[in-house]
Amino acid sequence: MGQDYIGQLLLRIETQRQAQQIEELKHELAWRKRSKRELEEGAARKLELGINLNRYEAAAYLRISTRTLQRWEDAGRIRRCPGYGSSVIYAARDVLRLASAPRKER
């Protein structure tokens, strides 16, 4: 066997490994999208019942990042519910207020 043949085998193995990694990443991305959508739907059901939301649920419902929600909190646009310790919980009415505001005013 020549060096050329071994090089081709190694290239084929590497290509297959990369293709497998791409497929795994596609699967993970699809799962994350589905997970985010499920989080948003769960938040909507909670809001219908007037149940407060955590930071991740509120961000998913508002379709913003958790970091943006933290900036809004720092700017005074939304406040945490007191009495939950280190957990970040937002009142359902505050989340709905922000959701109903025109996108520009958010």
Foldseek 3Di string as FASTA:
>chain_A
DDPVVVVVVVVVVVVVVVVVVVVVVVVVVVVVVVVLVVLLVVLVVCLVVFHKDFLSSLCSVLVHDSVVVVVCCVVVLFDADPDPPPTGIGGSVSSVVSSPDPPVVD
